[in-house]
Amino acid sequence: MTESKNEGLPEGGKIRQDRSVMIYLGILIIMTIVLVFAVKMYSTVDIGNPSCGDGTEYGHCSLRQPLRCDKGLLVEKALFCGCPVGLKKEGNLCISEYQTGLKNVVLKYVLRGKEKEINFEVYEGVVDHISTIPKSISSEGGETPSRKDFKLRNINEPAQRELLLPLVTEIQNVVKSEEDRVRIAVSVVQNIPYGISGNLIDIRGIQVNDSRYPYEVLYDNQGVCGEKGELLAFILREMGYGVVFFYHQEENHEAIGIKCPKEFSLGETGYCFIETTGPAIITDNRLDYIGLGKLHSTPKVILISDGKSLGDNLYEYNDADTLTDLRDNGVSMFSEGKLKDIRDKYGLVEVYRAG
């Protein structure tokens, strides 16, 4: 008959051995729980959401050369991902012939009451290149170019595009939320000061202010409604969103529209109103403009790009409604705090200029 290994042990020894087994099993269970939790966490970060701000999967090259998705950030890796046509590879960077005359600009933005900034490099060489582009557009068959033709010409300029895309990348690297990236882009453009170019050109014997390209708005750190709108349209389009211009001909004013649920949109167009001349809430189209008052005309909708839409959880819509109510009905001692909270949340100044 075979004896058990425990046979003959004192009772205290058996108890100690049982306790050791229980401790061992407890440690094993805890380690298993920790391991399962770690796997779930890893899956959430690296497997469940394995992409960077432009949708590029981890460890892969972006369609926007020379970017590569590295640990959740888009970084320049020209050695792996190559360079766009016309740019020269220097290590991991792609260099444009127009990258001369470096200047740093500080771009402020406000996200849910917190003011932050993006430091961005701009180049005089790009501005010099833009100055050589003809002001007119040639058309076949003698057709008069449309407002859309000029908008797309300004937004699509290829040399400018390569040196504006890094700003899109900067914004996409700041936060994980797609809609927060939109909020940052909007706030960045809104916080660029309003100002005319001062460069006069002759159109049919009339002297008018020359219109800046989006890159010039950044370089000059100022712009009017249409110019700043083109910069925002470029950024939102490159992020993949549907974008339109709202052109109020009667008031000679332009605003941007971003694709959104119809219930939040301007006149059920499917695009949410965005003012660009100063800090304002997305969807708020009841602003008061200096010397003009509110916008009353029905705007012409100019499609710039089709693309994705903002989601249903757009808290700006309710905030804009609250602000409109305060404007229309006045601010009491009981609503002063509510007004301050909204102003602080978006960095509002509520001074707007049409045109």
Protein backbone atom coordinates (compact mmCIF):
# COMPACT_ATOMS: atom_id res chain seq x y z
CA MET A 1 0.00 0.00 0.00
CA THR A 2 1.40 3.41 -1.06
CA GLU A 3 1.75 6.03 1.63
CA SER A 4 0.75 9.69 1.13
CA LYS A 5 3.61 12.17 1.32
CA ASN A 6 1.71 14.03 4.02
CA GLU A 7 1.24 10.89 6.08
CA GLY A 8 3.05 11.08 9.33
CA LEU A 9 3.35 14.92 9.31
CA PRO A 10 2.39 16.68 12.48
CA GLU A 11 -1.01 18.42 12.34
CA GLY A 12 0.63 21.87 12.47
CA GLY A 13 2.78 21.00 9.46
CA LYS A 14 -0.28 20.05 7.43
CA ILE A 15 -1.97 23.39 8.31
CA ARG A 16 1.14 25.36 7.32
CA GLN A 17 1.34 23.46 4.03
CA ASP A 18 -2.35 24.13 3.32
CA ARG A 19 -1.83 27.82 4.03
CA SER A 20 1.16 27.92 1.65
CA VAL A 21 -0.94 26.36 -1.10
CA MET A 22 -3.73 28.88 -0.50
CA ILE A 23 -1.27 31.81 -0.57
CA TYR A 24 0.26 30.46 -3.77
CA LEU A 25 -3.18 30.09 -5.38
CA GLY A 26 -4.14 33.60 -4.23
CA ILE A 27 -1.01 35.08 -5.79
CA LEU A 28 -1.70 33.15 -8.99
CA ILE A 29 -5.27 34.48 -9.14
CA ILE A 30 -4.11 38.06 -8.56
CA MET A 31 -1.45 37.75 -11.26
CA THR A 32 -4.05 36.34 -13.66
CA ILE A 33 -6.42 39.26 -12.97
CA VAL A 34 -3.59 41.78 -13.47
CA LEU A 35 -2.57 40.06 -16.71
CA VAL A 36 -6.15 40.07 -18.05
CA PHE A 37 -6.54 43.74 -17.12
CA ALA A 38 -3.23 44.61 -18.81
CA VAL A 39 -4.26 42.77 -21.97
CA LYS A 40 -7.56 44.66 -22.02
CA MET A 41 -5.79 47.96 -21.52
CA TYR A 42 -3.33 47.13 -24.28
CA SER A 43 -6.19 46.13 -26.54
CA THR A 44 -7.98 49.42 -25.89
CA VAL A 45 -4.96 51.52 -26.70
CA ASP A 46 -3.05 49.58 -29.30
CA ILE A 47 -5.46 47.03 -30.74
CA GLY A 48 -8.94 48.47 -30.25
CA ASN A 49 -7.81 51.92 -31.42
CA PRO A 50 -4.67 51.22 -33.47
CA SER A 51 -4.48 54.47 -35.39
CA CYS A 52 -3.15 58.01 -35.34
CA GLY A 53 -5.04 61.25 -35.89
CA ASP A 54 -5.35 60.80 -39.66
CA GLY A 55 -6.45 57.16 -39.42
CA THR A 56 -3.03 55.65 -40.15
CA GLU A 57 -2.49 52.34 -38.32
CA TYR A 58 0.28 52.05 -35.74
CA GLY A 59 3.67 51.40 -37.34
CA HIS A 60 2.48 52.30 -40.85
CA CYS A 61 3.27 55.19 -43.19
CA SER A 62 0.58 57.82 -43.68
CA LEU A 63 -0.77 58.81 -47.08
CA ARG A 64 0.68 62.20 -46.19
CA GLN A 65 4.37 61.61 -46.74
CA PRO A 66 6.70 61.57 -44.86
CA LEU A 67 4.50 60.87 -41.83
CA ARG A 68 4.48 57.58 -39.95
CA CYS A 69 2.20 56.55 -37.09
CA ASP A 70 4.58 56.01 -34.16
CA LYS A 71 3.06 55.20 -30.75
CA GLY A 72 -0.05 57.22 -31.49
CA LEU A 73 1.70 60.27 -32.94
CA LEU A 74 2.31 61.27 -36.54
CA VAL A 75 6.05 61.85 -36.94
CA GLU A 76 8.26 62.63 -39.92
CA LYS A 77 10.02 59.47 -41.11
CA ALA A 78 11.17 60.22 -44.66
CA LEU A 79 13.74 57.42 -44.51
CA PHE A 80 10.88 54.91 -44.22
CA CYS A 81 7.97 56.69 -45.89
CA GLY A 82 9.58 58.80 -48.61
CA CYS A 83 8.74 62.35 -49.71
CA PRO A 84 6.05 63.92 -51.92
CA VAL A 85 7.03 64.83 -55.45
CA GLY A 86 8.94 68.10 -55.50
CA LEU A 87 10.30 67.84 -51.96
CA LYS A 88 13.88 66.87 -51.15
CA LYS A 89 14.71 64.20 -48.57
CA GLU A 90 17.11 65.30 -45.81
CA GLY A 91 17.35 62.57 -43.19
CA ASN A 92 13.79 62.00 -41.93
CA LEU A 93 12.60 65.37 -43.21
CA CYS A 94 11.15 66.46 -46.56
CA ILE A 95 12.34 69.94 -47.51
CA SER A 96 10.62 72.36 -49.89
CA GLU A 97 12.54 74.85 -52.01
CA TYR A 98 10.28 77.50 -50.48
CA GLN A 99 11.45 76.88 -46.91
CA THR A 100 13.47 80.08 -46.67
CA GLY A 101 13.10 83.01 -44.31
CA LEU A 102 11.92 81.10 -41.23
CA LYS A 103 9.54 82.78 -38.80
CA ASN A 104 7.79 81.33 -35.74
CA VAL A 105 4.16 82.12 -35.03
CA VAL A 106 2.23 81.34 -31.85
CA LEU A 107 -1.31 80.11 -32.47
CA LYS A 108 -3.61 80.39 -29.49
CA TYR A 109 -6.69 78.23 -28.92
CA VAL A 110 -9.22 77.63 -26.15
CA LEU A 111 -10.69 74.19 -25.43
CA ARG A 112 -13.33 73.96 -22.69
CA GLY A 113 -11.97 76.99 -20.88
CA LYS A 114 -8.30 76.05 -21.06
CA GLU A 115 -6.13 78.36 -23.14
CA LYS A 116 -3.20 76.70 -24.90
CA GLU A 117 -1.02 77.38 -27.93
CA ILE A 118 0.72 75.79 -30.89
CA ASN A 119 4.14 77.00 -32.02
CA PHE A 120 4.35 76.81 -35.79
CA GLU A 121 7.07 77.59 -38.33
CA VAL A 122 6.20 79.64 -41.42
CA TYR A 123 8.42 80.69 -44.32
CA GLU A 124 8.79 83.90 -46.30
CA GLY A 125 9.72 81.83 -49.36
CA VAL A 126 6.14 80.50 -49.61
CA VAL A 127 4.73 84.04 -49.39
CA ASP A 128 7.12 85.20 -52.12
CA HIS A 129 6.00 82.29 -54.31
CA ILE A 130 2.31 83.10 -53.77
CA SER A 131 2.94 86.72 -54.81
CA THR A 132 3.86 85.46 -58.32
CA ILE A 133 0.49 83.69 -58.85
CA PRO A 134 -1.79 85.59 -61.29
CA LYS A 135 -4.75 87.26 -59.62
CA SER A 136 -7.13 86.26 -62.39
CA ILE A 137 -8.33 82.81 -63.47
CA SER A 138 -8.36 81.76 -67.11
CA SER A 139 -11.49 79.93 -68.16
CA GLU A 140 -12.44 78.05 -71.29
CA GLY A 141 -15.19 79.34 -73.54
CA GLY A 142 -15.12 82.81 -72.02
CA GLU A 143 -17.06 81.73 -68.93
CA THR A 144 -16.75 83.97 -65.89
CA PRO A 145 -15.00 82.17 -62.99
CA SER A 146 -17.25 81.59 -60.00
CA ARG A 147 -16.64 82.42 -56.36
CA LYS A 148 -16.05 78.71 -55.83
CA ASP A 149 -13.34 78.70 -58.51
CA PHE A 150 -11.37 81.35 -56.63
CA LYS A 151 -11.90 79.59 -53.29
CA LEU A 152 -10.58 76.28 -54.63
CA ARG A 153 -7.68 78.00 -56.36
CA ASN A 154 -6.59 79.56 -53.07
CA ILE A 155 -7.12 76.43 -50.99
CA ASN A 156 -5.52 73.97 -53.44
CA GLU A 157 -2.26 75.82 -54.21
CA PRO A 158 0.28 72.92 -54.14
CA ALA A 159 3.42 74.58 -52.71
CA GLN A 160 1.35 76.12 -49.92
CA ARG A 161 -0.35 72.79 -49.19
CA GLU A 162 2.87 70.95 -48.32
CA LEU A 163 3.78 73.57 -45.72
CA LEU A 164 0.25 73.92 -44.31
CA LEU A 165 -0.17 70.19 -43.72
CA PRO A 166 2.23 70.23 -40.72
CA LEU A 167 -0.32 72.44 -38.92
CA VAL A 168 -3.00 69.80 -39.54
CA THR A 169 -0.61 67.20 -38.12
CA GLU A 170 0.10 69.34 -35.04
CA ILE A 171 -3.62 69.57 -34.30
CA GLN A 172 -4.17 65.85 -34.89
CA ASN A 173 -1.36 65.02 -32.46
CA VAL A 174 -2.72 67.21 -29.62
CA VAL A 175 -5.79 65.14 -28.64
CA LYS A 176 -7.35 61.74 -29.37
CA SER A 177 -10.93 62.96 -29.84
CA GLU A 178 -11.79 63.75 -33.46
CA GLU A 179 -14.31 66.40 -32.51
CA ASP A 180 -11.87 68.05 -30.09
CA ARG A 181 -9.47 68.35 -33.04
CA VAL A 182 -12.21 70.23 -34.90
CA ARG A 183 -12.73 72.47 -31.87
CA ILE A 184 -9.00 73.23 -31.71
CA ALA A 185 -8.81 73.98 -35.45
CA VAL A 186 -11.80 76.32 -35.22
CA SER A 187 -10.41 78.13 -32.16
CA VAL A 188 -6.94 78.48 -33.71
CA VAL A 189 -8.36 80.26 -36.77
CA GLN A 190 -10.83 82.35 -34.77
CA ASN A 191 -8.02 83.63 -32.53
CA ILE A 192 -5.94 84.89 -35.45
CA PRO A 193 -6.51 88.69 -35.36
CA TYR A 194 -8.83 90.33 -37.85
CA GLY A 195 -7.08 92.61 -40.34
CA ILE A 196 -7.04 93.61 -44.02
CA SER A 197 -3.96 93.03 -46.14
CA GLY A 198 -3.41 96.66 -47.16
CA ASN A 199 -2.05 95.48 -50.51
CA LEU A 200 -4.11 97.14 -53.24
CA ILE A 201 -4.69 95.66 -56.68
CA ASP A 202 -6.46 97.10 -59.70
CA ILE A 203 -9.61 95.34 -60.89
CA ARG A 204 -11.27 97.05 -63.87
CA GLY A 205 -9.95 100.40 -62.74
CA ILE A 206 -11.01 99.97 -59.10
CA GLN A 207 -8.46 99.68 -56.30
CA VAL A 208 -9.36 96.87 -53.91
CA ASN A 209 -7.54 95.03 -51.14
CA ASP A 210 -5.70 91.96 -52.35
CA SER A 211 -7.03 88.71 -50.88
CA ARG A 212 -4.58 86.61 -48.89
CA TYR A 213 -4.00 82.90 -49.40
CA PRO A 214 -4.45 80.66 -46.32
CA TYR A 215 -0.68 80.47 -45.81
CA GLU A 216 -0.41 84.26 -45.84
CA VAL A 217 -3.02 84.46 -43.07
CA LEU A 218 -0.68 82.42 -40.89
CA TYR A 219 2.44 84.33 -41.94
CA ASP A 220 0.83 87.77 -41.44
CA ASN A 221 -1.06 86.56 -38.35
CA GLN A 222 -4.21 88.34 -39.51
CA GLY A 223 -7.02 88.07 -42.03
CA VAL A 224 -10.61 88.96 -42.88
CA CYS A 225 -13.60 86.62 -42.86
CA GLY A 226 -13.07 85.02 -46.29
CA GLU A 227 -9.30 84.66 -45.86
CA LYS A 228 -9.54 83.07 -42.43
CA GLY A 229 -12.40 80.94 -43.71
CA GLU A 230 -10.20 79.52 -46.46
CA LEU A 231 -7.57 78.56 -43.88
CA LEU A 232 -10.15 76.78 -41.74
CA ALA A 233 -11.70 75.13 -44.82
CA PHE A 234 -8.26 73.77 -45.74
CA ILE A 235 -7.66 72.32 -42.28
CA LEU A 236 -11.12 70.74 -41.91
CA ARG A 237 -11.01 69.30 -45.42
CA GLU A 238 -7.60 67.73 -44.76
CA MET A 239 -9.09 66.21 -41.60
CA GLY A 240 -11.67 64.55 -43.83
CA TYR A 241 -14.77 66.64 -43.05
CA GLY A 242 -17.46 67.92 -45.37
CA VAL A 243 -16.97 71.69 -45.74
CA VAL A 244 -18.93 74.55 -47.32
CA PHE A 245 -18.79 78.33 -47.41
CA PHE A 246 -21.87 80.27 -46.37
CA TYR A 247 -21.81 83.46 -48.45
CA HIS A 248 -24.20 86.21 -47.32
CA GLN A 249 -24.18 88.42 -50.40
CA GLU A 250 -26.40 91.14 -48.94
CA GLU A 251 -24.10 91.62 -45.94
CA ASN A 252 -20.94 90.76 -47.95
CA HIS A 253 -19.94 88.21 -45.32
CA GLU A 254 -18.55 84.68 -45.44
CA ALA A 255 -18.62 81.95 -42.83
CA ILE A 256 -17.71 78.27 -42.86
CA GLY A 257 -20.03 75.30 -42.60
CA ILE A 258 -18.95 71.86 -41.38
CA LYS A 259 -21.04 68.77 -42.07
CA CYS A 260 -23.19 67.91 -39.03
CA PRO A 261 -26.56 66.38 -38.06
CA LYS A 262 -29.38 68.31 -39.74
CA GLU A 263 -31.01 69.33 -36.44
CA PHE A 264 -27.90 71.35 -35.52
CA SER A 265 -27.31 72.79 -38.99
CA LEU A 266 -28.01 76.20 -40.49
CA GLY A 267 -31.39 76.18 -42.23
CA GLU A 268 -31.37 72.35 -42.38
CA THR A 269 -28.52 72.47 -44.89
CA GLY A 270 -26.68 69.68 -43.08
CA TYR A 271 -23.79 72.04 -42.27
CA CYS A 272 -23.15 73.80 -38.96
CA PHE A 273 -22.35 77.51 -39.05
CA ILE A 274 -18.83 78.56 -37.96
CA GLU A 275 -17.86 82.22 -37.63
CA THR A 276 -14.13 82.80 -38.27
CA THR A 277 -13.57 86.51 -37.62
CA GLY A 278 -13.34 85.97 -33.85
CA PRO A 279 -13.98 83.42 -31.08
CA ALA A 280 -17.54 82.11 -31.40
CA ILE A 281 -19.47 78.94 -30.64
CA ILE A 282 -19.93 76.41 -33.44
CA THR A 283 -23.61 76.65 -34.65
CA ASP A 284 -24.03 80.24 -33.34
CA ASN A 285 -25.31 82.29 -36.29
CA ARG A 286 -27.08 84.96 -34.23
CA LEU A 287 -24.02 87.11 -33.67
CA ASP A 288 -24.03 90.92 -33.74
CA TYR A 289 -21.62 92.44 -36.27
CA ILE A 290 -20.13 95.92 -35.97
CA GLY A 291 -22.18 98.43 -37.99
CA LEU A 292 -24.42 95.67 -39.33
CA GLY A 293 -26.26 93.84 -36.58
CA LYS A 294 -27.33 90.26 -37.26
CA LEU A 295 -27.13 88.35 -40.53
CA HIS A 296 -30.59 88.27 -42.11
CA SER A 297 -30.06 87.12 -45.69
CA THR A 298 -30.22 83.49 -46.79
CA PRO A 299 -26.65 82.50 -47.63
CA LYS A 300 -25.46 80.85 -50.80
CA VAL A 301 -23.95 77.45 -49.97
CA ILE A 302 -20.64 76.81 -51.76
CA LEU A 303 -19.44 73.21 -51.49
CA ILE A 304 -15.71 72.81 -50.92
CA SER A 305 -15.50 69.14 -49.99
CA ASP A 306 -17.72 66.21 -49.15
CA GLY A 307 -16.65 64.17 -46.15
CA LYS A 308 -17.46 62.96 -42.68
CA SER A 309 -19.81 64.68 -40.25
CA LEU A 310 -19.69 65.85 -36.67
CA GLY A 311 -21.53 63.52 -34.30
CA ASP A 312 -24.75 63.85 -32.32
CA ASN A 313 -23.04 64.80 -29.07
CA LEU A 314 -22.46 68.44 -30.03
CA TYR A 315 -22.65 70.36 -26.76
CA GLU A 316 -22.01 73.64 -28.59
CA TYR A 317 -25.59 73.67 -29.88
CA ASN A 318 -27.10 73.97 -26.39
CA ASP A 319 -24.49 76.52 -25.33
CA ALA A 320 -25.25 78.64 -28.41
CA ASP A 321 -28.98 78.45 -27.62
CA THR A 322 -28.34 79.59 -24.04
CA LEU A 323 -26.16 82.47 -25.23
CA THR A 324 -28.79 83.58 -27.76
CA ASP A 325 -31.42 83.59 -25.01
CA LEU A 326 -29.18 85.74 -22.82
CA ARG A 327 -28.57 88.17 -25.69
CA ASP A 328 -32.27 88.43 -26.55
CA ASN A 329 -33.69 88.64 -23.03
CA GLY A 330 -30.90 90.44 -21.22
CA VAL A 331 -28.61 89.35 -18.40
CA SER A 332 -29.90 89.43 -14.84
CA MET A 333 -27.96 89.10 -11.61
CA PHE A 334 -28.98 85.44 -11.63
CA SER A 335 -27.68 84.74 -15.14
CA GLU A 336 -24.40 86.68 -14.95
CA GLY A 337 -22.57 83.58 -13.77
CA LYS A 338 -23.98 81.50 -16.63
CA LEU A 339 -22.87 84.10 -19.17
CA LYS A 340 -19.37 84.22 -17.67
CA ASP A 341 -19.08 80.44 -17.76
CA ILE A 342 -19.95 80.33 -21.47
CA ARG A 343 -17.58 83.17 -22.32
CA ASP A 344 -14.75 81.51 -20.42
CA LYS A 345 -15.47 78.11 -21.96
CA TYR A 346 -14.94 79.43 -25.50
CA GLY A 347 -12.75 82.47 -24.86
CA LEU A 348 -15.49 84.71 -26.29
CA VAL A 349 -15.05 88.43 -26.90
CA GLU A 350 -18.23 88.87 -28.99
CA VAL A 351 -16.87 91.58 -31.30
CA TYR A 352 -17.36 90.58 -34.92
CA ARG A 353 -16.78 92.26 -38.27
CA ALA A 354 -18.60 91.37 -41.46
CA GLY A 355 -16.65 91.21 -44.71
